[in-house]
Amino acid sequence: MDRLEVLKSSKIRVTTLEFCKEVGYANKSALRHFPVLRRELSLYISQFPAGRGRNAPSRIRYFEVQMERQNQTIDRLERKVNTIPKLKARIFELEAKGKGDEEAKRRLRGMLSTVVALLSNSDFAKARDLHSRLEKEVKALLDEE
């Protein structure tokens, strides 16, 4: 496939047999093991106008290949177009989930602050504070006497 890409980029005209010899295959029948390569090579070769050889592709085949290429491009673009709404829906779901998570985080912070406020205002906390102040005052009085 790499060699075919090099040929495509340089627009070199080549036959199937020439390609096989260049790549190192014994003959054209070796391409039967590589259906994708065979199809791409066939499309590449047929894009050149018909020559005057014994196995020269006809003008009809040239246009058929061009139509096949266009159809492949159309199919690829349609697949991309079909994935866009799915991705947009997924983005919307994730954003909604993120907003819900933020709301839950705010709610939990509020609950925690309420619990802390209740514990700090509880009778136990007040009693402990009062006890420590009384101890300090008693110690101060005892020290004065």
Protein backbone atom coordinates (compact mmCIF):
# COMPACT_ATOMS: atom_id res chain seq x y z
CA MET A 1 0.00 0.00 0.00
CA ASP A 2 2.90 2.35 0.73
CA ARG A 3 4.31 1.93 -2.75
CA LEU A 4 0.87 2.56 -4.22
CA GLU A 5 0.60 5.77 -2.21
CA VAL A 6 3.97 6.88 -3.60
CA LEU A 7 2.74 6.18 -7.12
CA LYS A 8 -0.49 8.08 -6.46
CA SER A 9 1.32 11.10 -5.13
CA SER A 10 3.73 11.19 -8.10
CA LYS A 11 0.96 10.43 -10.65
CA ILE A 12 3.13 7.84 -12.41
CA ARG A 13 1.30 5.77 -14.99
CA VAL A 14 1.79 2.07 -14.30
CA THR A 15 0.19 -1.23 -15.22
CA THR A 16 -0.79 -3.99 -12.83
CA LEU A 17 2.05 -6.21 -14.01
CA GLU A 18 4.60 -3.41 -13.68
CA PHE A 19 3.40 -2.69 -10.15
CA CYS A 20 3.62 -6.37 -9.18
CA LYS A 21 7.17 -6.65 -10.51
CA GLU A 22 8.19 -3.42 -8.78
CA VAL A 23 6.83 -4.58 -5.43
CA GLY A 24 8.37 -8.03 -5.82
CA TYR A 25 5.37 -10.24 -6.57
CA ALA A 26 5.94 -13.07 -9.03
CA ASN A 27 2.84 -12.24 -11.07
CA LYS A 28 -0.55 -10.53 -10.95
CA SER A 29 -2.19 -13.50 -9.24
CA ALA A 30 -0.31 -12.61 -6.03
CA LEU A 31 -2.74 -9.71 -5.64
CA ARG A 32 -5.56 -12.16 -4.86
CA HIS A 33 -4.26 -12.29 -1.30
CA PHE A 34 -4.61 -8.52 -0.97
CA PRO A 35 -8.14 -7.52 -2.04
CA VAL A 36 -7.89 -3.96 -0.76
CA LEU A 37 -4.60 -3.39 -2.56
CA ARG A 38 -5.99 -4.96 -5.73
CA ARG A 39 -9.08 -2.72 -5.63
CA GLU A 40 -7.08 0.45 -4.94
CA LEU A 41 -4.55 -0.42 -7.66
CA SER A 42 -7.36 -1.05 -10.12
CA LEU A 43 -8.94 2.30 -9.28
CA TYR A 44 -5.60 4.07 -9.65
CA ILE A 45 -4.75 2.46 -12.97
CA SER A 46 -8.16 3.07 -14.45
CA GLN A 47 -8.08 6.79 -13.73
CA PHE A 48 -5.65 7.29 -16.58
CA PRO A 49 -7.19 7.68 -20.04
CA ALA A 50 -7.36 4.58 -22.18
CA GLY A 51 -4.29 3.73 -24.21
CA ARG A 52 -3.89 1.74 -27.42
CA GLY A 53 -2.72 -1.50 -25.84
CA ARG A 54 -4.22 -4.97 -25.99
CA ASN A 55 -5.65 -4.75 -22.48
CA ALA A 56 -6.32 -1.03 -22.49
CA PRO A 57 -9.33 -0.06 -20.40
CA SER A 58 -12.24 1.41 -22.31
CA ARG A 59 -13.61 4.89 -21.86
CA ILE A 60 -16.70 3.38 -20.29
CA ARG A 61 -14.58 1.62 -17.66
CA TYR A 62 -12.74 4.88 -16.99
CA PHE A 63 -16.00 6.68 -16.22
CA GLU A 64 -17.30 3.73 -14.19
CA VAL A 65 -14.21 3.89 -12.04
CA GLN A 66 -14.60 7.63 -11.62
CA MET A 67 -18.22 7.08 -10.53
CA GLU A 68 -17.13 4.36 -8.12
CA ARG A 69 -14.58 6.72 -6.57
CA GLN A 70 -17.17 9.44 -6.25
CA ASN A 71 -19.59 6.98 -4.65
CA GLN A 72 -16.91 5.92 -2.15
CA THR A 73 -16.28 9.56 -1.30
CA ILE A 74 -20.00 10.20 -0.92
CA ASP A 75 -20.38 7.13 1.34
CA ARG A 76 -17.47 8.25 3.51
CA LEU A 77 -18.90 11.76 3.84
CA GLU A 78 -22.38 10.40 4.63
CA ARG A 79 -20.90 8.29 7.43
CA LYS A 80 -19.25 11.40 8.83
CA VAL A 81 -22.50 13.35 8.56
CA ASN A 82 -24.34 10.59 10.41
CA THR A 83 -21.85 10.64 13.29
CA ILE A 84 -22.17 14.39 13.90
CA PRO A 85 -25.69 14.28 15.46
CA LYS A 86 -24.65 11.32 17.63
CA LEU A 87 -21.63 13.23 18.89
CA LYS A 88 -23.71 16.35 19.52
CA ALA A 89 -26.20 14.29 21.53
CA ARG A 90 -23.35 12.77 23.55
CA ILE A 91 -21.92 16.24 24.24
CA PHE A 92 -25.34 17.45 25.39
CA GLU A 93 -25.69 14.44 27.73
CA LEU A 94 -22.25 15.03 29.23
CA GLU A 95 -22.93 18.74 29.73
CA ALA A 96 -26.24 17.95 31.44
CA LYS A 97 -24.51 15.42 33.67
CA GLY A 98 -21.83 18.01 34.51
CA LYS A 99 -24.50 20.53 35.51
CA GLY A 100 -26.19 17.90 37.67
CA ASP A 101 -22.87 17.08 39.33
CA GLU A 102 -22.28 20.77 40.06
CA GLU A 103 -25.74 21.04 41.62
CA ALA A 104 -25.10 17.96 43.76
CA LYS A 105 -21.76 19.42 44.88
CA ARG A 106 -23.42 22.70 45.91
CA ARG A 107 -26.13 20.80 47.78
CA LEU A 108 -23.53 18.71 49.64
CA ARG A 109 -21.56 21.83 50.58
CA GLY A 110 -24.73 23.37 51.97
CA MET A 111 -25.51 20.25 53.99
CA LEU A 112 -21.97 20.14 55.37
CA SER A 113 -22.02 23.79 56.38
CA THR A 114 -25.40 23.23 58.09
CA VAL A 115 -24.01 20.27 60.05
CA VAL A 116 -20.93 22.25 61.09
CA ALA A 117 -23.12 25.17 62.17
CA LEU A 118 -25.38 22.87 64.19
CA LEU A 119 -22.42 21.19 65.90
CA SER A 120 -20.76 24.48 66.76
CA ASN A 121 -24.04 25.86 68.17
CA SER A 122 -24.89 22.71 70.10
CA ASP A 123 -25.21 22.55 73.89
CA PHE A 124 -22.17 20.29 74.10
CA ALA A 125 -19.95 22.85 72.42
CA LYS A 126 -21.38 25.62 74.60
CA ALA A 127 -20.94 23.52 77.74
CA ARG A 128 -17.32 22.74 76.87
CA ASP A 129 -16.62 26.42 76.20
CA LEU A 130 -18.30 27.43 79.46
CA HIS A 131 -16.38 24.74 81.35
CA SER A 132 -13.03 25.96 80.01
CA ARG A 133 -13.85 29.59 80.89
CA LEU A 134 -14.92 28.63 84.38
CA GLU A 135 -11.72 26.65 84.89
CA LYS A 136 -9.68 29.67 83.85
CA GLU A 137 -11.58 31.95 86.24
CA VAL A 138 -11.23 29.47 89.12
CA LYS A 139 -7.50 29.17 88.52
CA ALA A 140 -7.23 32.96 88.38
CA LEU A 141 -9.11 33.30 91.70
CA LEU A 142 -7.01 30.62 93.36
CA ASP A 143 -3.84 32.27 92.17
CA GLU A 144 -4.95 35.62 93.62
CA GLU A 145 -5.63 34.11 97.05
